[in-house]
C-alpha atoms as a PDB file:
ATOM      1  CA  ILE A   1     -11.480   1.182-223.991  1.00  0.00           C
ATOM      2  CA  PRO A   2     -10.590  -0.001-227.555  1.00  0.00           C
ATOM      3  CA  VAL A   3      -7.598  -1.674-226.355  1.00  0.00           C
ATOM      4  CA  PHE A   4      -9.042  -3.467-223.970  1.00  0.00           C
ATOM      5  CA  MET A   5     -12.211  -4.903-226.626  1.00  0.00           C
ATOM      6  CA  LEU A   6      -9.186  -5.889-228.538  1.00  0.00           C
ATOM      7  CA  LEU A   7      -7.848  -8.308-226.620  1.00  0.00           C
ATOM      8  CA  LEU A   8     -10.681  -9.638-225.511  1.00  0.00           C
ATOM      9  CA  ALA A   9     -12.163 -10.095-229.232  1.00  0.00           C
ATOM     10  CA  CYS A  10      -8.738 -12.396-229.184  1.00  0.00           C
ATOM     11  CA  SER A  11      -9.559 -14.207-225.940  1.00  0.00           C
ATOM     12  CA  LEU A  12     -12.281 -15.395-226.982  1.00  0.00           C
ATOM     13  CA  ASN A  13     -11.426 -16.370-230.191  1.00  0.00           C
ATOM     14  CA  ASN A  14     -10.296 -19.769-229.545  1.00  0.00           C
ATOM     15  CA  LEU A  15      -7.654 -21.676-226.954  1.00  0.00           C
ATOM     16  CA  GLU A  16      -5.252 -19.965-228.535  1.00  0.00           C
ATOM     17  CA  GLY A  17      -5.852 -16.524-228.861  1.00  0.00           C
ATOM     18  CA  PHE A  18      -6.879 -16.821-225.251  1.00  0.00           C
ATOM     19  CA  VAL A  19      -3.092 -18.154-223.705  1.00  0.00           C
ATOM     20  CA  LYS A  20      -1.995 -15.203-225.714  1.00  0.00           C
ATOM     21  CA  VAL A  21      -3.764 -12.416-224.035  1.00  0.00           C
ATOM     22  CA  GLN A  22      -2.796 -14.456-220.953  1.00  0.00           C
ATOM     23  CA  ASN A  23       1.058 -14.184-221.396  1.00  0.00           C
ATOM     24  CA  PHE A  24       0.566 -10.938-222.394  1.00  0.00           C
ATOM     25  CA  LEU A  25      -1.281  -9.613-219.381  1.00  0.00           C
ATOM     26  CA  ALA A  26       1.613 -11.730-217.453  1.00  0.00           C
ATOM     27  CA  HIS A  27       3.841  -8.823-218.452  1.00  0.00           C
ATOM     28  CA  PRO A  28       4.633  -6.587-215.251  1.00  0.00           C
ATOM     29  CA  LEU A  29       4.684  -3.566-217.670  1.00  0.00           C
ATOM     30  CA  ILE A  30       1.531  -4.278-219.248  1.00  0.00           C
ATOM     31  CA  LYS A  31       0.052  -4.991-215.198  1.00  0.00           C
ATOM     32  CA  PHE A  32       0.929  -1.850-214.537  1.00  0.00           C
ATOM     33  CA  MET A  33      -0.433   0.613-217.896  1.00  0.00           C
ATOM     34  CA  LEU A  34      -3.559  -2.054-217.441  1.00  0.00           C
ATOM     35  CA  PHE A  35      -3.601  -0.488-213.443  1.00  0.00           C
ATOM     36  CA  GLY A  36      -3.029   3.028-214.455  1.00  0.00           C
ATOM     37  CA  SER A  37      -5.732   2.639-217.578  1.00  0.00           C
ATOM     38  CA  LEU A  38      -8.576   1.000-215.161  1.00  0.00           C
ATOM     39  CA  LEU A  39      -7.677   3.768-211.904  1.00  0.00           C
ATOM     40  CA  ALA A  40      -7.777   6.379-214.904  1.00  0.00           C
ATOM     41  CA  LEU A  41     -11.700   5.069-215.524  1.00  0.00           C
ATOM     42  CA  PHE A  42     -12.804   3.934-211.957  1.00  0.00           C
ATOM     43  CA  TYR A  43     -11.490   7.614-211.447  1.00  0.00           C
ATOM     44  CA  HIS A  44     -13.546   9.699-214.260  1.00  0.00           C
ATOM     45  CA  LEU A  45     -16.476   7.191-213.560  1.00  0.00           C
ATOM     46  CA  ILE A  46     -16.814   7.933-209.617  1.00  0.00           C
ATOM     47  CA  ALA A  47     -16.237  11.971-210.174  1.00  0.00           C
ATOM     48  CA  GLY A  48     -18.565  11.217-212.871  1.00  0.00           C
ATOM     49  CA  ILE A  49     -21.023  10.215-210.456  1.00  0.00           C
ATOM     50  CA  ARG A  50     -20.584  12.871-207.777  1.00  0.00           C
ATOM     51  CA  HIS A  51     -20.962  16.212-211.170  1.00  0.00           C
ATOM     52  CA  LEU A  52     -24.249  13.939-211.173  1.00  0.00           C
ATOM     53  CA  LEU A  53     -25.499  14.183-208.178  1.00  0.00           C
ATOM     54  CA  MET A  54     -24.415  18.269-208.115  1.00  0.00           C
ATOM     55  CA  ASP A  55     -26.738  18.488-210.962  1.00  0.00           C
ATOM     56  CA  PHE A  56     -28.975  17.545-207.919  1.00  0.00           C
ATOM     57  CA  HIS A  57     -27.696  19.704-205.998  1.00  0.00           C
ATOM     58  CA  LEU A  58     -26.371  17.357-203.500  1.00  0.00           C
ATOM     59  CA  GLY A  59     -23.404  18.826-202.480  1.00  0.00           C
ATOM     60  CA  ASP A  60     -23.463  21.716-204.866  1.00  0.00           C
ATOM     61  CA  SER A  61     -21.769  24.055-201.607  1.00  0.00           C
ATOM     62  CA  LEU A  62     -17.819  24.689-200.970  1.00  0.00           C
ATOM     63  CA  LYS A  63     -17.873  22.113-198.133  1.00  0.00           C
ATOM     64  CA  GLY A  64     -20.406  19.838-199.784  1.00  0.00           C
ATOM     65  CA  GLY A  65     -17.028  19.611-202.560  1.00  0.00           C
ATOM     66  CA  ARG A  66     -14.614  19.562-200.678  1.00  0.00           C
ATOM     67  CA  LEU A  67     -16.453  16.523-199.038  1.00  0.00           C
ATOM     68  CA  GLY A  68     -16.960  14.882-202.823  1.00  0.00           C
ATOM     69  CA  ALA A  69     -13.659  15.878-203.368  1.00  0.00           C
ATOM     70  CA  ARG A  70     -12.273  14.436-200.634  1.00  0.00           C
ATOM     71  CA  LEU A  71     -14.482  11.185-200.844  1.00  0.00           C
ATOM     72  CA  VAL A  72     -14.254  10.607-204.539  1.00  0.00           C
ATOM     73  CA  LEU A  73     -10.463  10.366-203.931  1.00  0.00           C
ATOM     74  CA  LEU A  74     -10.791   8.012-200.479  1.00  0.00           C
ATOM     75  CA  ILE A  75     -13.050   5.540-203.177  1.00  0.00           C
ATOM     76  CA  THR A  76     -10.326   5.973-205.643  1.00  0.00           C
ATOM     77  CA  ILE A  77      -7.775   5.399-203.243  1.00  0.00           C
ATOM     78  CA  ILE A  78      -9.811   2.180-201.758  1.00  0.00           C
ATOM     79  CA  PHE A  79     -10.372   0.929-205.193  1.00  0.00           C
ATOM     80  CA  ALA A  80      -6.767   1.145-206.288  1.00  0.00           C
ATOM     81  CA  ILE A  81      -5.705  -1.157-202.883  1.00  0.00           C
ATOM     82  CA  PHE A  82      -8.162  -3.283-204.058  1.00  0.00           C
ATOM     83  CA  LEU A  83      -7.199  -3.380-208.072  1.00  0.00           C
ATOM     84  CA  GLY A  84      -3.639  -3.725-206.878  1.00  0.00           C
ATOM     85  CA  MET A  85      -4.590  -7.126-204.670  1.00  0.00           C
ATOM     86  CA  TRP A  86      -6.521  -8.339-207.716  1.00  0.00           C
ATOM     87  CA  LEU A  87      -3.877  -7.969-210.713  1.00  0.00           C
ATOM     88  CA  TRP A  88      -0.435  -8.623-208.807  1.00  0.00           C
END
C-alpha cells in the first residue's frame, strides 16, 4: 500500500509525474507485480468479510466453513480474471 500511495502522490504532483508513473506501470513486470498485489489485497478483503460473517455465526459450522472458503476462492478467481482483463 505505501508503494501505491507513493505512485499516487507522484502522479498527482504534475503532468510529468503522471507521465512517469504511466510509463512505469506500462512495463510487463510491473503489471504482473501490480496484479499480484491487488489480487492479494482483494483476497484479504473477501476473507476478512467471511470471518466477520462467521463472528455473527453465519457459516461457522464445518459445512458452512467449507462453503465459505470455496466461495472466497471462487470470488477471488473471478476478480483475478476481470483484473487481468483490465490491466492487459
